[in-house]
Amino acid sequence: MQHQLKNLLHRMKLSPDHIRAGKIGKWLGRHGVNPDLWSFRRGPVARAMVAGLLPATSPLLGLHHILAVVLAVFLRANVPTAVVVQMVNNPITIPIYYTIAYHVGEIVLGRPTKYEGGIAEKMRKLDQADGIRVKLRMLAGDLALVAVPLTVGCTVIGVVVSAAGYGLIYALWPVEPEERKRKLTKNTD
């Protein structure tokens, strides 16, 4: 299984040799070819859950992939897994997720939900406003009302979901022989 996975990564030009030879590999240096970044062992995959789920739950649309890779390198997590896992938040789930995150943020901040009320009236006022500057000011004011609770909600959900993903991998993935040996040698010292 692991041999097949290595062949697949090599064909996709995601092997350590391909990474080291490319521009990004030269920029990352030795960190870009850390064996944990490409290893499908329990530890790197569990850390990849954190590296993928935290950016997936952030409100920083368009930066999810980049954040997942940077976090994976920083956490020594499996990069392909981190990139795939962060795709849990996609164009189909984003409206539902951000609505829930906004409400969670409002609850955490101890504020009643303010934004939902009067959306139709706000749209009517926006249509009636003269000039693009006035319209942009109105939109910026509404965006500010939403940004803080959305960010707080995304952060809370991201921490909970990534911790759950990390724990789930450790709970379901069997202990590997190498890991078992390390534990035994630590206990005998």
C-alpha atoms as a PDB file:
ATOM      1  CA  MET A   1       0.000   0.000   0.000  1.00  0.00           C
ATOM      2  CA  GLN A   2       2.704   2.484   0.982  1.00  0.00           C
ATOM      3  CA  HIS A   3       4.767   1.529  -2.094  1.00  0.00           C
ATOM      4  CA  GLN A   4       1.766   2.260  -4.346  1.00  0.00           C
ATOM      5  CA  LEU A   5       1.269   5.598  -2.624  1.00  0.00           C
ATOM      6  CA  LYS A   6       4.926   6.535  -3.174  1.00  0.00           C
ATOM      7  CA  ASN A   7       4.581   5.656  -6.877  1.00  0.00           C
ATOM      8  CA  LEU A   8       1.438   7.780  -7.134  1.00  0.00           C
ATOM      9  CA  LEU A   9       3.142  10.769  -5.487  1.00  0.00           C
ATOM     10  CA  HIS A  10       6.130  10.341  -7.803  1.00  0.00           C
ATOM     11  CA  ARG A  11       3.890  10.299 -10.895  1.00  0.00           C
ATOM     12  CA  MET A  12       2.033  13.395  -9.630  1.00  0.00           C
ATOM     13  CA  LYS A  13       5.432  15.068  -9.144  1.00  0.00           C
ATOM     14  CA  LEU A  14       4.822  15.320  -5.404  1.00  0.00           C
ATOM     15  CA  SER A  15       7.751  13.134  -4.394  1.00  0.00           C
ATOM     16  CA  PRO A  16      10.533  14.671  -2.261  1.00  0.00           C
ATOM     17  CA  ASP A  17      12.903  14.511  -5.261  1.00  0.00           C
ATOM     18  CA  HIS A  18      10.539  16.539  -7.451  1.00  0.00           C
ATOM     19  CA  ILE A  19       9.871  19.041  -4.678  1.00  0.00           C
ATOM     20  CA  ARG A  20      13.591  19.512  -3.929  1.00  0.00           C
ATOM     21  CA  ALA A  21      14.353  20.120  -7.635  1.00  0.00           C
ATOM     22  CA  GLY A  22      11.630  22.737  -8.166  1.00  0.00           C
ATOM     23  CA  LYS A  23      11.507  26.438  -7.333  1.00  0.00           C
ATOM     24  CA  ILE A  24       9.359  25.891  -4.250  1.00  0.00           C
ATOM     25  CA  GLY A  25      11.679  23.140  -3.040  1.00  0.00           C
ATOM     26  CA  LYS A  26      14.652  25.441  -3.322  1.00  0.00           C
ATOM     27  CA  TRP A  27      12.740  28.125  -1.436  1.00  0.00           C
ATOM     28  CA  LEU A  28      11.642  25.725   1.329  1.00  0.00           C
ATOM     29  CA  GLY A  29      15.084  24.172   1.602  1.00  0.00           C
ATOM     30  CA  ARG A  30      15.349  21.136   3.847  1.00  0.00           C
ATOM     31  CA  HIS A  31      11.907  21.784   5.355  1.00  0.00           C
ATOM     32  CA  GLY A  32      10.211  21.038   2.044  1.00  0.00           C
ATOM     33  CA  VAL A  33      11.632  17.547   1.875  1.00  0.00           C
ATOM     34  CA  ASN A  34      11.113  16.555   5.500  1.00  0.00           C
ATOM     35  CA  PRO A  35      10.010  12.894   5.318  1.00  0.00           C
ATOM     36  CA  ASP A  36       7.028  13.609   7.583  1.00  0.00           C
ATOM     37  CA  LEU A  37       5.568  15.935   4.943  1.00  0.00           C
ATOM     38  CA  TRP A  38       5.069  12.967   2.626  1.00  0.00           C
ATOM     39  CA  SER A  39       4.668  10.143   5.146  1.00  0.00           C
ATOM     40  CA  PHE A  40       1.339   8.400   5.599  1.00  0.00           C
ATOM     41  CA  ARG A  41       2.068   7.337   9.180  1.00  0.00           C
ATOM     42  CA  ARG A  42      -0.307   8.066  12.028  1.00  0.00           C
ATOM     43  CA  GLY A  43       1.503  11.112  13.460  1.00  0.00           C
ATOM     44  CA  PRO A  44       1.938  13.128  10.244  1.00  0.00           C
ATOM     45  CA  VAL A  45      -1.607  12.307   9.119  1.00  0.00           C
ATOM     46  CA  ALA A  46      -3.064  13.354  12.495  1.00  0.00           C
ATOM     47  CA  ARG A  47      -1.150  16.628  12.305  1.00  0.00           C
ATOM     48  CA  ALA A  48      -2.400  17.022   8.723  1.00  0.00           C
ATOM     49  CA  MET A  49      -5.947  16.988  10.067  1.00  0.00           C
ATOM     50  CA  VAL A  50      -5.079  20.090  12.095  1.00  0.00           C
ATOM     51  CA  ALA A  51      -3.165  21.683   9.205  1.00  0.00           C
ATOM     52  CA  GLY A  52      -6.089  21.100   6.834  1.00  0.00           C
ATOM     53  CA  LEU A  53      -9.106  21.714   9.055  1.00  0.00           C
ATOM     54  CA  LEU A  54      -7.934  24.976  10.643  1.00  0.00           C
ATOM     55  CA  PRO A  55      -7.615  26.814   7.307  1.00  0.00           C
ATOM     56  CA  ALA A  56     -10.772  25.148   5.992  1.00  0.00           C
ATOM     57  CA  THR A  57     -12.749  26.719   8.805  1.00  0.00           C
ATOM     58  CA  SER A  58     -11.201  30.181   8.457  1.00  0.00           C
ATOM     59  CA  PRO A  59     -13.009  33.061   6.769  1.00  0.00           C
ATOM     60  CA  LEU A  60      -9.978  33.682   4.527  1.00  0.00           C
ATOM     61  CA  LEU A  61     -11.467  32.511   1.248  1.00  0.00           C
ATOM     62  CA  GLY A  62      -8.929  31.844  -1.449  1.00  0.00           C
ATOM     63  CA  LEU A  63      -6.101  31.252   0.998  1.00  0.00           C
ATOM     64  CA  HIS A  64      -7.168  27.840   2.297  1.00  0.00           C
ATOM     65  CA  HIS A  65      -4.734  25.826   0.164  1.00  0.00           C
ATOM     66  CA  ILE A  66      -1.792  28.101   0.886  1.00  0.00           C
ATOM     67  CA  LEU A  67      -2.513  28.137   4.627  1.00  0.00           C
ATOM     68  CA  ALA A  68      -2.876  24.344   4.664  1.00  0.00           C
ATOM     69  CA  VAL A  69       0.531  23.844   3.029  1.00  0.00           C
ATOM     70  CA  VAL A  70       2.251  26.407   5.270  1.00  0.00           C
ATOM     71  CA  LEU A  71       0.718  24.856   8.397  1.00  0.00           C
ATOM     72  CA  ALA A  72       1.627  21.362   7.188  1.00  0.00           C
ATOM     73  CA  VAL A  73       5.267  22.358   6.756  1.00  0.00           C
ATOM     74  CA  PHE A  74       5.293  24.120  10.128  1.00  0.00           C
ATOM     75  CA  LEU A  75       3.622  21.178  11.933  1.00  0.00           C
ATOM     76  CA  ARG A  76       5.592  18.517   9.985  1.00  0.00           C
ATOM     77  CA  ALA A  77       2.286  17.122   8.763  1.00  0.00           C
ATOM     78  CA  ASN A  78       1.456  15.158   5.629  1.00  0.00           C
ATOM     79  CA  VAL A  79       1.000  17.827   2.922  1.00  0.00           C
ATOM     80  CA  PRO A  80      -1.283  15.914   0.504  1.00  0.00           C
ATOM     81  CA  THR A  81      -3.622  14.973   3.349  1.00  0.00           C
ATOM     82  CA  ALA A  82      -3.709  18.547   4.654  1.00  0.00           C
ATOM     83  CA  VAL A  83      -4.619  19.895   1.215  1.00  0.00           C
ATOM     84  CA  VAL A  84      -7.339  17.287   0.668  1.00  0.00           C
ATOM     85  CA  VAL A  85      -8.800  17.698   4.168  1.00  0.00           C
ATOM     86  CA  GLN A  86      -9.088  21.465   3.828  1.00  0.00           C
ATOM     87  CA  MET A  87     -11.421  20.952   0.884  1.00  0.00           C
ATOM     88  CA  VAL A  88     -14.164  19.954   3.329  1.00  0.00           C
ATOM     89  CA  ASN A  89     -15.255  23.585   3.091  1.00  0.00           C
ATOM     90  CA  ASN A  90     -16.188  24.034  -0.541  1.00  0.00           C
ATOM     91  CA  PRO A  91     -18.570  26.249  -2.548  1.00  0.00           C
ATOM     92  CA  ILE A  92     -21.487  23.978  -1.650  1.00  0.00           C
ATOM     93  CA  THR A  93     -20.870  23.999   2.113  1.00  0.00           C
ATOM     94  CA  ILE A  94     -19.589  27.581   2.539  1.00  0.00           C
ATOM     95  CA  PRO A  95     -22.983  29.340   2.862  1.00  0.00           C
ATOM     96  CA  ILE A  96     -24.177  26.862   5.460  1.00  0.00           C
ATOM     97  CA  TYR A  97     -20.881  26.811   7.345  1.00  0.00           C
ATOM     98  CA  TYR A  98     -20.426  30.599   7.480  1.00  0.00           C
ATOM     99  CA  THR A  99     -24.011  31.079   8.657  1.00  0.00           C
ATOM    100  CA  ILE A 100     -23.411  28.611  11.496  1.00  0.00           C
ATOM    101  CA  ALA A 101     -20.021  30.186  12.269  1.00  0.00           C
ATOM    102  CA  TYR A 102     -21.618  33.644  12.417  1.00  0.00           C
ATOM    103  CA  HIS A 103     -24.219  32.421  14.914  1.00  0.00           C
ATOM    104  CA  VAL A 104     -21.570  30.648  17.016  1.00  0.00           C
ATOM    105  CA  GLY A 105     -19.553  33.882  17.054  1.00  0.00           C
ATOM    106  CA  GLU A 106     -22.577  35.870  18.188  1.00  0.00           C
ATOM    107  CA  ILE A 107     -23.209  33.372  20.988  1.00  0.00           C
ATOM    108  CA  VAL A 108     -19.560  33.392  22.097  1.00  0.00           C
ATOM    109  CA  LEU A 109     -19.516  37.195  22.064  1.00  0.00           C
ATOM    110  CA  GLY A 110     -22.752  37.221  24.057  1.00  0.00           C
ATOM    111  CA  ARG A 111     -24.593  39.318  21.534  1.00  0.00           C
ATOM    112  CA  PRO A 112     -28.008  38.727  20.038  1.00  0.00           C
ATOM    113  CA  THR A 113     -28.005  38.127  16.313  1.00  0.00           C
ATOM    114  CA  LYS A 114     -28.206  41.569  14.738  1.00  0.00           C
ATOM    115  CA  TYR A 115     -27.529  41.090  11.071  1.00  0.00           C
ATOM    116  CA  GLU A 116     -30.431  38.899  10.036  1.00  0.00           C
ATOM    117  CA  GLY A 117     -33.176  41.362  10.864  1.00  0.00           C
ATOM    118  CA  GLY A 118     -34.149  43.760   8.128  1.00  0.00           C
ATOM    119  CA  ILE A 119     -32.079  42.369   5.275  1.00  0.00           C
ATOM    120  CA  ALA A 120     -34.836  43.252   2.790  1.00  0.00           C
ATOM    121  CA  GLU A 121     -34.982  46.799   4.161  1.00  0.00           C
ATOM    122  CA  LYS A 122     -31.184  47.135   3.994  1.00  0.00           C
ATOM    123  CA  MET A 123     -31.249  45.994   0.365  1.00  0.00           C
ATOM    124  CA  ARG A 124     -33.967  48.550  -0.427  1.00  0.00           C
ATOM    125  CA  LYS A 125     -31.922  51.355   1.209  1.00  0.00           C
ATOM    126  CA  LEU A 126     -28.865  50.227  -0.720  1.00  0.00           C
ATOM    127  CA  ASP A 127     -30.791  50.390  -3.992  1.00  0.00           C
ATOM    128  CA  GLN A 128     -32.112  53.864  -3.165  1.00  0.00           C
ATOM    129  CA  ALA A 129     -28.712  55.259  -2.169  1.00  0.00           C
ATOM    130  CA  ASP A 130     -27.141  57.686  -4.620  1.00  0.00           C
ATOM    131  CA  GLY A 131     -23.558  57.174  -5.692  1.00  0.00           C
ATOM    132  CA  ILE A 132     -21.153  54.304  -5.429  1.00  0.00           C
ATOM    133  CA  ARG A 133     -19.341  55.808  -2.424  1.00  0.00           C
ATOM    134  CA  VAL A 134     -22.479  55.871  -0.317  1.00  0.00           C
ATOM    135  CA  LYS A 135     -23.311  52.311  -1.322  1.00  0.00           C
ATOM    136  CA  LEU A 136     -19.779  51.125  -0.496  1.00  0.00           C
ATOM    137  CA  ARG A 137     -19.926  52.841   2.924  1.00  0.00           C
ATOM    138  CA  MET A 138     -23.209  51.111   3.666  1.00  0.00           C
ATOM    139  CA  LEU A 139     -21.783  47.735   2.625  1.00  0.00           C
ATOM    140  CA  ALA A 140     -18.595  48.300   4.638  1.00  0.00           C
ATOM    141  CA  GLY A 141     -20.670  49.066   7.736  1.00  0.00           C
ATOM    142  CA  ASP A 142     -22.651  45.871   7.298  1.00  0.00           C
ATOM    143  CA  LEU A 143     -19.464  43.909   6.643  1.00  0.00           C
ATOM    144  CA  ALA A 144     -17.957  45.194   9.893  1.00  0.00           C
ATOM    145  CA  LEU A 145     -21.046  43.984  11.771  1.00  0.00           C
ATOM    146  CA  VAL A 146     -20.554  40.512  10.337  1.00  0.00           C
ATOM    147  CA  ALA A 147     -16.735  40.194  10.294  1.00  0.00           C
ATOM    148  CA  VAL A 148     -16.073  40.015  14.043  1.00  0.00           C
ATOM    149  CA  PRO A 149     -18.649  37.346  14.952  1.00  0.00           C
ATOM    150  CA  LEU A 150     -17.807  35.394  11.798  1.00  0.00           C
ATOM    151  CA  THR A 151     -14.091  35.363  12.647  1.00  0.00           C
ATOM    152  CA  VAL A 152     -14.738  34.387  16.272  1.00  0.00           C
ATOM    153  CA  GLY A 153     -17.155  31.633  15.220  1.00  0.00           C
ATOM    154  CA  CYS A 154     -14.765  30.293  12.585  1.00  0.00           C
ATOM    155  CA  THR A 155     -11.937  30.222  15.130  1.00  0.00           C
ATOM    156  CA  VAL A 156     -13.986  28.369  17.751  1.00  0.00           C
ATOM    157  CA  ILE A 157     -15.289  25.841  15.239  1.00  0.00           C
ATOM    158  CA  GLY A 158     -11.818  25.443  13.672  1.00  0.00           C
ATOM    159  CA  VAL A 159     -10.152  24.637  16.992  1.00  0.00           C
ATOM    160  CA  VAL A 160     -12.871  22.143  17.964  1.00  0.00           C
ATOM    161  CA  VAL A 161     -13.027  20.434  14.554  1.00  0.00           C
ATOM    162  CA  SER A 162      -9.249  20.191  14.100  1.00  0.00           C
ATOM    163  CA  ALA A 163      -8.765  18.825  17.633  1.00  0.00           C
ATOM    164  CA  ALA A 164     -11.503  16.283  16.940  1.00  0.00           C
ATOM    165  CA  GLY A 165      -9.854  15.288  13.632  1.00  0.00           C
ATOM    166  CA  TYR A 166      -6.486  14.890  15.347  1.00  0.00           C
ATOM    167  CA  GLY A 167      -8.007  12.774  18.128  1.00  0.00           C
ATOM    168  CA  LEU A 168     -10.020  10.703  15.650  1.00  0.00           C
ATOM    169  CA  ILE A 169      -6.895   9.713  13.730  1.00  0.00           C
ATOM    170  CA  TYR A 170      -5.146   8.657  16.938  1.00  0.00           C
ATOM    171  CA  ALA A 171      -8.238   6.787  18.124  1.00  0.00           C
ATOM    172  CA  LEU A 172      -8.873   4.859  14.886  1.00  0.00           C
ATOM    173  CA  TRP A 173      -5.371   4.394  13.441  1.00  0.00           C
ATOM    174  CA  PRO A 174      -3.575   1.362  14.895  1.00  0.00           C
ATOM    175  CA  VAL A 175      -0.257   1.908  16.660  1.00  0.00           C
ATOM    176  CA  GLU A 176       2.586   1.359  14.234  1.00  0.00           C
ATOM    177  CA  PRO A 177       5.451  -1.041  15.040  1.00  0.00           C
ATOM    178  CA  GLU A 178       8.057   1.779  15.030  1.00  0.00           C
ATOM    179  CA  GLU A 179       5.977   3.793  17.469  1.00  0.00           C
ATOM    180  CA  ARG A 180       5.487   0.769  19.705  1.00  0.00           C
ATOM    181  CA  LYS A 181       9.280   0.210  19.777  1.00  0.00           C
ATOM    182  CA  ARG A 182       9.916   3.835  20.747  1.00  0.00           C
ATOM    183  CA  LYS A 183       7.387   3.624  23.594  1.00  0.00           C
ATOM    184  CA  LEU A 184       8.948   0.416  24.879  1.00  0.00           C
ATOM    185  CA  THR A 185      12.471   1.834  24.829  1.00  0.00           C
ATOM    186  CA  LYS A 186      11.318   4.986  26.654  1.00  0.00           C
ATOM    187  CA  ASN A 187       9.624   2.894  29.346  1.00  0.00           C
ATOM    188  CA  THR A 188      12.694   0.700  29.911  1.00  0.00           C
ATOM    189  CA  ASP A 189      15.061   3.701  30.348  1.00  0.00           C
END
